[in-house]
C-alpha atoms as a PDB file:
ATOM      1  CA  UNK A   1       0.000   0.000   0.000  1.00  0.00           C
ATOM      2  CA  UNK A   2       2.798   2.380   0.859  1.00  0.00           C
ATOM      3  CA  UNK A   3       4.596   1.496  -2.350  1.00  0.00           C
ATOM      4  CA  UNK A   4       1.475   2.370  -4.370  1.00  0.00           C
ATOM      5  CA  UNK A   5       1.205   5.799  -2.733  1.00  0.00           C
ATOM      6  CA  UNK A   6       4.884   6.496  -3.303  1.00  0.00           C
ATOM      7  CA  UNK A   7       4.676   5.658  -7.023  1.00  0.00           C
ATOM      8  CA  UNK A   8       1.567   7.824  -7.417  1.00  0.00           C
ATOM      9  CA  UNK A   9       3.359  10.836  -5.942  1.00  0.00           C
ATOM     10  CA  UNK A  10       6.300  10.309  -8.307  1.00  0.00           C
ATOM     11  CA  UNK A  11       4.057  10.134 -11.389  1.00  0.00           C
ATOM     12  CA  UNK A  12       2.104  13.234 -10.407  1.00  0.00           C
ATOM     13  CA  UNK A  13       5.308  15.144  -9.920  1.00  0.00           C
ATOM     14  CA  UNK A  14       6.118  14.604 -13.586  1.00  0.00           C
ATOM     15  CA  UNK A  15       2.777  15.985 -14.764  1.00  0.00           C
ATOM     16  CA  UNK A  16       3.833  19.690 -15.018  1.00  0.00           C
ATOM     17  CA  UNK A  17       6.835  18.694 -17.135  1.00  0.00           C
ATOM     18  CA  UNK A  18       4.664  16.607 -19.464  1.00  0.00           C
ATOM     19  CA  UNK A  19       2.182  19.478 -19.852  1.00  0.00           C
ATOM     20  CA  UNK A  20       5.016  21.870 -20.686  1.00  0.00           C
ATOM     21  CA  UNK A  21       6.374  19.644 -23.461  1.00  0.00           C
ATOM     22  CA  UNK A  22       2.915  19.004 -24.903  1.00  0.00           C
ATOM     23  CA  UNK A  23       2.066  22.697 -25.212  1.00  0.00           C
ATOM     24  CA  UNK A  24       5.553  23.529 -26.474  1.00  0.00           C
ATOM     25  CA  UNK A  25       5.126  20.993 -29.276  1.00  0.00           C
ATOM     26  CA  UNK A  26       1.686  22.306 -30.159  1.00  0.00           C
ATOM     27  CA  UNK A  27       3.059  25.813 -30.472  1.00  0.00           C
ATOM     28  CA  UNK A  28       5.846  24.708 -32.789  1.00  0.00           C
ATOM     29  CA  UNK A  29       3.493  22.844 -35.099  1.00  0.00           C
ATOM     30  CA  UNK A  30       0.772  25.474 -35.392  1.00  0.00           C
ATOM     31  CA  UNK A  31       2.774  28.718 -35.399  1.00  0.00           C
ATOM     32  CA  UNK A  32       3.770  30.014 -38.826  1.00  0.00           C
ATOM     33  CA  UNK A  33       5.370  33.433 -39.129  1.00  0.00           C
ATOM     34  CA  UNK A  34       4.165  35.162 -42.280  1.00  0.00           C
ATOM     35  CA  UNK A  35       4.978  38.406 -44.089  1.00  0.00           C
ATOM     36  CA  UNK A  36       2.925  39.415 -47.132  1.00  0.00           C
ATOM     37  CA  UNK A  37       4.340  41.954 -49.607  1.00  0.00           C
ATOM     38  CA  UNK A  38       1.970  43.468 -52.164  1.00  0.00           C
ATOM     39  CA  UNK A  39       3.384  43.900 -55.650  1.00  0.00           C
ATOM     40  CA  UNK A  40       5.055  47.283 -56.098  1.00  0.00           C
ATOM     41  CA  UNK A  41       4.359  47.152 -59.841  1.00  0.00           C
ATOM     42  CA  UNK A  42       2.416  44.904 -62.222  1.00  0.00           C
ATOM     43  CA  UNK A  43       1.262  45.132 -65.815  1.00  0.00           C
ATOM     44  CA  UNK A  44      -0.074  43.030 -68.654  1.00  0.00           C
ATOM     45  CA  UNK A  45       1.335  42.901 -72.181  1.00  0.00           C
ATOM     46  CA  UNK A  46      -0.712  42.027 -75.274  1.00  0.00           C
ATOM     47  CA  UNK A  47       0.716  41.051 -78.650  1.00  0.00           C
ATOM     48  CA  UNK A  48      -2.212  42.437 -80.646  1.00  0.00           C
ATOM     49  CA  UNK A  49      -1.713  45.911 -79.192  1.00  0.00           C
ATOM     50  CA  UNK A  50       2.055  45.922 -78.980  1.00  0.00           C
ATOM     51  CA  UNK A  51       2.536  49.561 -78.043  1.00  0.00           C
ATOM     52  CA  UNK A  52      -0.299  49.802 -75.528  1.00  0.00           C
ATOM     53  CA  UNK A  53       0.381  50.028 -71.809  1.00  0.00           C
ATOM     54  CA  UNK A  54      -2.064  48.355 -69.378  1.00  0.00           C
ATOM     55  CA  UNK A  55      -0.398  49.295 -66.098  1.00  0.00           C
ATOM     56  CA  UNK A  56      -3.409  51.134 -64.656  1.00  0.00           C
ATOM     57  CA  UNK A  57      -5.859  48.246 -64.998  1.00  0.00           C
ATOM     58  CA  UNK A  58      -7.301  46.537 -61.933  1.00  0.00           C
ATOM     59  CA  UNK A  59      -6.824  43.121 -63.549  1.00  0.00           C
ATOM     60  CA  UNK A  60      -4.210  41.127 -65.454  1.00  0.00           C
ATOM     61  CA  UNK A  61      -5.080  38.922 -68.446  1.00  0.00           C
ATOM     62  CA  UNK A  62      -3.419  35.577 -69.190  1.00  0.00           C
ATOM     63  CA  UNK A  63      -3.734  33.565 -72.390  1.00  0.00           C
ATOM     64  CA  UNK A  64      -1.326  31.714 -74.654  1.00  0.00           C
ATOM     65  CA  UNK A  65      -1.406  32.093 -78.412  1.00  0.00           C
ATOM     66  CA  UNK A  66      -3.251  29.185 -80.011  1.00  0.00           C
ATOM     67  CA  UNK A  67      -1.693  27.102 -82.716  1.00  0.00           C
ATOM     68  CA  UNK A  68      -3.596  27.258 -85.989  1.00  0.00           C
ATOM     69  CA  UNK A  69      -3.936  23.483 -85.997  1.00  0.00           C
ATOM     70  CA  UNK A  70      -5.616  23.487 -82.586  1.00  0.00           C
ATOM     71  CA  UNK A  71      -8.956  25.008 -83.511  1.00  0.00           C
ATOM     72  CA  UNK A  72     -11.315  26.155 -86.191  1.00  0.00           C
ATOM     73  CA  UNK A  73      -9.914  29.335 -87.693  1.00  0.00           C
ATOM     74  CA  UNK A  74     -13.298  31.025 -87.496  1.00  0.00           C
ATOM     75  CA  UNK A  75     -13.249  30.701 -83.696  1.00  0.00           C
ATOM     76  CA  UNK A  76      -9.548  31.204 -83.158  1.00  0.00           C
ATOM     77  CA  UNK A  77      -8.081  33.837 -80.886  1.00  0.00           C
ATOM     78  CA  UNK A  78      -4.429  33.934 -81.845  1.00  0.00           C
ATOM     79  CA  UNK A  79      -3.557  36.504 -79.206  1.00  0.00           C
ATOM     80  CA  UNK A  80      -0.947  36.170 -76.498  1.00  0.00           C
ATOM     81  CA  UNK A  81      -1.394  37.868 -73.126  1.00  0.00           C
ATOM     82  CA  UNK A  82       1.163  37.704 -70.342  1.00  0.00           C
ATOM     83  CA  UNK A  83       1.999  39.806 -67.319  1.00  0.00           C
ATOM     84  CA  UNK A  84       4.841  40.912 -65.111  1.00  0.00           C
ATOM     85  CA  UNK A  85       5.071  41.312 -61.338  1.00  0.00           C
ATOM     86  CA  UNK A  86       7.603  43.234 -59.276  1.00  0.00           C
ATOM     87  CA  UNK A  87       8.105  43.026 -55.502  1.00  0.00           C
ATOM     88  CA  UNK A  88      10.294  45.050 -53.149  1.00  0.00           C
ATOM     89  CA  UNK A  89      11.688  42.884 -50.334  1.00  0.00           C
ATOM     90  CA  UNK A  90      13.885  45.528 -48.657  1.00  0.00           C
ATOM     91  CA  UNK A  91      12.310  44.941 -45.240  1.00  0.00           C
ATOM     92  CA  UNK A  92      12.549  41.138 -45.337  1.00  0.00           C
ATOM     93  CA  UNK A  93      15.206  39.318 -43.326  1.00  0.00           C
ATOM     94  CA  UNK A  94      15.664  36.081 -45.303  1.00  0.00           C
ATOM     95  CA  UNK A  95      17.107  34.320 -42.280  1.00  0.00           C
ATOM     96  CA  UNK A  96      13.695  34.537 -40.606  1.00  0.00           C
ATOM     97  CA  UNK A  97      11.906  32.532 -43.317  1.00  0.00           C
ATOM     98  CA  UNK A  98      12.251  29.301 -45.256  1.00  0.00           C
ATOM     99  CA  UNK A  99       9.583  29.656 -47.923  1.00  0.00           C
ATOM    100  CA  UNK A 100       8.450  32.261 -50.454  1.00  0.00           C
ATOM    101  CA  UNK A 101       5.302  32.042 -52.579  1.00  0.00           C
ATOM    102  CA  UNK A 102       3.626  34.245 -55.142  1.00  0.00           C
ATOM    103  CA  UNK A 103      -0.073  34.511 -54.296  1.00  0.00           C
ATOM    104  CA  UNK A 104      -2.606  35.530 -56.958  1.00  0.00           C
ATOM    105  CA  UNK A 105      -6.391  35.651 -56.893  1.00  0.00           C
ATOM    106  CA  UNK A 106      -8.379  34.612 -59.951  1.00  0.00           C
ATOM    107  CA  UNK A 107     -10.874  37.228 -61.104  1.00  0.00           C
ATOM    108  CA  UNK A 108     -12.461  35.352 -64.020  1.00  0.00           C
ATOM    109  CA  UNK A 109     -12.022  32.177 -66.087  1.00  0.00           C
ATOM    110  CA  UNK A 110     -13.408  31.039 -69.404  1.00  0.00           C
ATOM    111  CA  UNK A 111     -14.854  27.595 -69.956  1.00  0.00           C
ATOM    112  CA  UNK A 112     -11.652  25.856 -71.069  1.00  0.00           C
ATOM    113  CA  UNK A 113      -9.286  27.556 -68.633  1.00  0.00           C
ATOM    114  CA  UNK A 114      -9.180  24.442 -66.479  1.00  0.00           C
ATOM    115  CA  UNK A 115      -7.171  22.744 -69.238  1.00  0.00           C
ATOM    116  CA  UNK A 116      -4.286  25.209 -68.978  1.00  0.00           C
ATOM    117  CA  UNK A 117      -1.118  25.371 -66.886  1.00  0.00           C
ATOM    118  CA  UNK A 118       0.388  28.586 -65.550  1.00  0.00           C
ATOM    119  CA  UNK A 119       4.102  29.302 -65.311  1.00  0.00           C
ATOM    120  CA  UNK A 120       6.381  31.692 -63.446  1.00  0.00           C
ATOM    121  CA  UNK A 121       9.747  32.652 -64.908  1.00  0.00           C
ATOM    122  CA  UNK A 122      12.326  35.137 -63.606  1.00  0.00           C
ATOM    123  CA  UNK A 123      12.562  38.547 -65.233  1.00  0.00           C
ATOM    124  CA  UNK A 124      14.949  41.463 -64.977  1.00  0.00           C
ATOM    125  CA  UNK A 125      13.814  44.667 -63.283  1.00  0.00           C
ATOM    126  CA  UNK A 126      14.202  46.955 -66.298  1.00  0.00           C
ATOM    127  CA  UNK A 127      10.530  47.830 -66.646  1.00  0.00           C
ATOM    128  CA  UNK A 128       7.876  49.986 -65.041  1.00  0.00           C
ATOM    129  CA  UNK A 129       4.150  49.416 -64.963  1.00  0.00           C
ATOM    130  CA  UNK A 130       3.473  52.841 -66.445  1.00  0.00           C
ATOM    131  CA  UNK A 131       5.534  52.203 -69.588  1.00  0.00           C
ATOM    132  CA  UNK A 132       5.587  48.415 -70.113  1.00  0.00           C
ATOM    133  CA  UNK A 133       4.301  47.214 -73.501  1.00  0.00           C
ATOM    134  CA  UNK A 134       4.640  44.093 -75.610  1.00  0.00           C
ATOM    135  CA  UNK A 135       7.363  45.744 -77.667  1.00  0.00           C
ATOM    136  CA  UNK A 136       9.587  46.790 -74.753  1.00  0.00           C
ATOM    137  CA  UNK A 137       8.934  43.954 -72.284  1.00  0.00           C
ATOM    138  CA  UNK A 138      11.951  42.224 -70.692  1.00  0.00           C
ATOM    139  CA  UNK A 139      13.120  39.134 -72.527  1.00  0.00           C
ATOM    140  CA  UNK A 140      12.469  35.826 -70.788  1.00  0.00           C
ATOM    141  CA  UNK A 141      13.231  32.280 -71.874  1.00  0.00           C
ATOM    142  CA  UNK A 142      10.888  31.077 -74.604  1.00  0.00           C
ATOM    143  CA  UNK A 143      11.051  27.515 -73.274  1.00  0.00           C
ATOM    144  CA  UNK A 144       8.314  26.437 -70.893  1.00  0.00           C
ATOM    145  CA  UNK A 145      10.785  24.038 -69.254  1.00  0.00           C
ATOM    146  CA  UNK A 146      12.688  27.043 -67.850  1.00  0.00           C
ATOM    147  CA  UNK A 147       9.960  27.974 -65.388  1.00  0.00           C
ATOM    148  CA  UNK A 148      10.793  28.323 -61.691  1.00  0.00           C
ATOM    149  CA  UNK A 149       7.256  27.609 -60.467  1.00  0.00           C
ATOM    150  CA  UNK A 150       3.998  26.380 -61.959  1.00  0.00           C
ATOM    151  CA  UNK A 151       0.402  25.584 -61.129  1.00  0.00           C
ATOM    152  CA  UNK A 152      -2.632  23.932 -62.582  1.00  0.00           C
ATOM    153  CA  UNK A 153      -5.484  26.359 -63.173  1.00  0.00           C
ATOM    154  CA  UNK A 154      -8.005  27.093 -60.430  1.00  0.00           C
ATOM    155  CA  UNK A 155     -11.560  28.394 -60.372  1.00  0.00           C
ATOM    156  CA  UNK A 156     -12.826  31.964 -60.156  1.00  0.00           C
ATOM    157  CA  UNK A 157     -12.381  33.644 -56.738  1.00  0.00           C
ATOM    158  CA  UNK A 158      -9.757  31.127 -55.640  1.00  0.00           C
ATOM    159  CA  UNK A 159      -6.142  31.863 -54.773  1.00  0.00           C
ATOM    160  CA  UNK A 160      -3.273  30.207 -56.590  1.00  0.00           C
ATOM    161  CA  UNK A 161       0.192  29.853 -55.068  1.00  0.00           C
ATOM    162  CA  UNK A 162       3.544  29.502 -56.819  1.00  0.00           C
ATOM    163  CA  UNK A 163       6.449  28.329 -54.668  1.00  0.00           C
ATOM    164  CA  UNK A 164       9.449  30.420 -55.708  1.00  0.00           C
ATOM    165  CA  UNK A 165      11.521  29.775 -52.578  1.00  0.00           C
ATOM    166  CA  UNK A 166      14.762  28.598 -54.196  1.00  0.00           C
ATOM    167  CA  UNK A 167      14.916  31.509 -56.620  1.00  0.00           C
ATOM    168  CA  UNK A 168      13.896  34.200 -54.136  1.00  0.00           C
ATOM    169  CA  UNK A 169      16.281  33.183 -51.355  1.00  0.00           C
ATOM    170  CA  UNK A 170      19.158  32.837 -53.824  1.00  0.00           C
ATOM    171  CA  UNK A 171      18.526  36.400 -55.058  1.00  0.00           C
ATOM    172  CA  UNK A 172      18.202  37.775 -51.533  1.00  0.00           C
ATOM    173  CA  UNK A 173      21.472  36.093 -50.555  1.00  0.00           C
ATOM    174  CA  UNK A 174      23.100  38.018 -53.417  1.00  0.00           C
ATOM    175  CA  UNK A 175      21.700  41.283 -52.062  1.00  0.00           C
ATOM    176  CA  UNK A 176      18.980  41.611 -54.705  1.00  0.00           C
ATOM    177  CA  UNK A 177      15.895  42.896 -52.891  1.00  0.00           C
ATOM    178  CA  UNK A 178      13.823  43.837 -55.976  1.00  0.00           C
ATOM    179  CA  UNK A 179      12.330  40.755 -57.615  1.00  0.00           C
ATOM    180  CA  UNK A 180      10.506  40.586 -60.944  1.00  0.00           C
ATOM    181  CA  UNK A 181       8.556  37.701 -62.433  1.00  0.00           C
ATOM    182  CA  UNK A 182       6.924  36.851 -65.748  1.00  0.00           C
ATOM    183  CA  UNK A 183       3.629  34.918 -65.825  1.00  0.00           C
ATOM    184  CA  UNK A 184       2.515  32.882 -68.851  1.00  0.00           C
ATOM    185  CA  UNK A 185       0.099  30.111 -69.768  1.00  0.00           C
ATOM    186  CA  UNK A 186      -0.240  27.056 -71.985  1.00  0.00           C
ATOM    187  CA  UNK A 187      -3.032  26.640 -74.520  1.00  0.00           C
ATOM    188  CA  UNK A 188      -6.127  24.577 -73.721  1.00  0.00           C
ATOM    189  CA  UNK A 189      -5.502  22.001 -76.423  1.00  0.00           C
ATOM    190  CA  UNK A 190      -7.170  20.830 -79.605  1.00  0.00           C
ATOM    191  CA  UNK A 191     -10.156  22.931 -80.731  1.00  0.00           C
ATOM    192  CA  UNK A 192     -10.412  24.675 -77.370  1.00  0.00           C
ATOM    193  CA  UNK A 193     -10.495  28.452 -77.611  1.00  0.00           C
ATOM    194  CA  UNK A 194     -12.200  29.802 -74.464  1.00  0.00           C
ATOM    195  CA  UNK A 195      -9.357  29.850 -71.959  1.00  0.00           C
ATOM    196  CA  UNK A 196      -8.674  33.477 -71.094  1.00  0.00           C
ATOM    197  CA  UNK A 197      -8.035  33.921 -67.364  1.00  0.00           C
ATOM    198  CA  UNK A 198      -7.832  37.195 -65.446  1.00  0.00           C
ATOM    199  CA  UNK A 199      -6.242  37.903 -62.077  1.00  0.00           C
ATOM    200  CA  UNK A 200      -6.572  40.904 -59.782  1.00  0.00           C
ATOM    201  CA  UNK A 201      -3.774  43.453 -60.016  1.00  0.00           C
ATOM    202  CA  UNK A 202      -2.330  45.814 -57.395  1.00  0.00           C
ATOM    203  CA  UNK A 203      -4.862  48.427 -58.534  1.00  0.00           C
ATOM    204  CA  UNK A 204      -7.728  46.260 -57.251  1.00  0.00           C
ATOM    205  CA  UNK A 205      -9.749  48.067 -54.549  1.00  0.00           C
ATOM    206  CA  UNK A 206      -9.795  45.104 -52.153  1.00  0.00           C
ATOM    207  CA  UNK A 207      -6.291  44.850 -50.695  1.00  0.00           C
ATOM    208  CA  UNK A 208      -6.550  41.119 -49.955  1.00  0.00           C
ATOM    209  CA  UNK A 209      -7.031  40.382 -53.660  1.00  0.00           C
ATOM    210  CA  UNK A 210      -3.828  42.058 -54.834  1.00  0.00           C
ATOM    211  CA  UNK A 211      -0.767  40.056 -55.960  1.00  0.00           C
ATOM    212  CA  UNK A 212       1.494  39.214 -53.052  1.00  0.00           C
ATOM    213  CA  UNK A 213       4.877  37.683 -52.356  1.00  0.00           C
ATOM    214  CA  UNK A 214       4.365  35.715 -49.150  1.00  0.00           C
ATOM    215  CA  UNK A 215       7.265  34.809 -46.867  1.00  0.00           C
ATOM    216  CA  UNK A 216       6.720  32.016 -44.352  1.00  0.00           C
ATOM    217  CA  UNK A 217       8.625  30.210 -41.642  1.00  0.00           C
ATOM    218  CA  UNK A 218       6.894  26.872 -41.856  1.00  0.00           C
ATOM    219  CA  UNK A 219       7.665  23.212 -41.196  1.00  0.00           C
ATOM    220  CA  UNK A 220       5.089  22.024 -43.728  1.00  0.00           C
ATOM    221  CA  UNK A 221       6.577  19.988 -46.611  1.00  0.00           C
ATOM    222  CA  UNK A 222       6.799  21.584 -50.037  1.00  0.00           C
ATOM    223  CA  UNK A 223       4.461  19.967 -52.567  1.00  0.00           C
ATOM    224  CA  UNK A 224       5.006  20.664 -56.268  1.00  0.00           C
ATOM    225  CA  UNK A 225       1.893  21.856 -58.108  1.00  0.00           C
ATOM    226  CA  UNK A 226       2.598  19.744 -61.210  1.00  0.00           C
END
């Protein structure tokens, strides 16, 4: 009987320590430090209006040029619409984070948009949203395989995330705090022509809908979109 009481007292004495470790673990799992930077500049370019600037629009259009063999010529839209994003990360301490994502909100989608893929490629910073056009846009790789992040398409009013961690932290380590990106799309495939997608730009009235570069300190595993 005495032995039972003695063992009970010993076990109870360990209870505060167990509670401490449990709550410490919970805090580590659930806490994610996040900094969201709204794009400092963004603008669409359009190959059918090569000298027109769209920097003041509240939305950004995305559509790849269709191949002539992919659809009936009478329904074809052989236009190409892409856009550029620029972020200023001067106030970010890269040592405080382990992940960086571009966050965009879809404003509208056409019927065949779900068949497309979206790509992020790096761009130089030699552009401004007030002067960017198709004719003076920064040159990026023409190969889709050179993307640094990608995503399948998503529905209207949903957010899409592009994990650009490797590229962003490499640039920050070099002292480059201004980061520009080019966004492009694939076509929707054979005889599919309704696949124009629009995203909200930094001119959108609702702040939460604007393009963002999101820095996180998270233990969650990275999952590739495609």
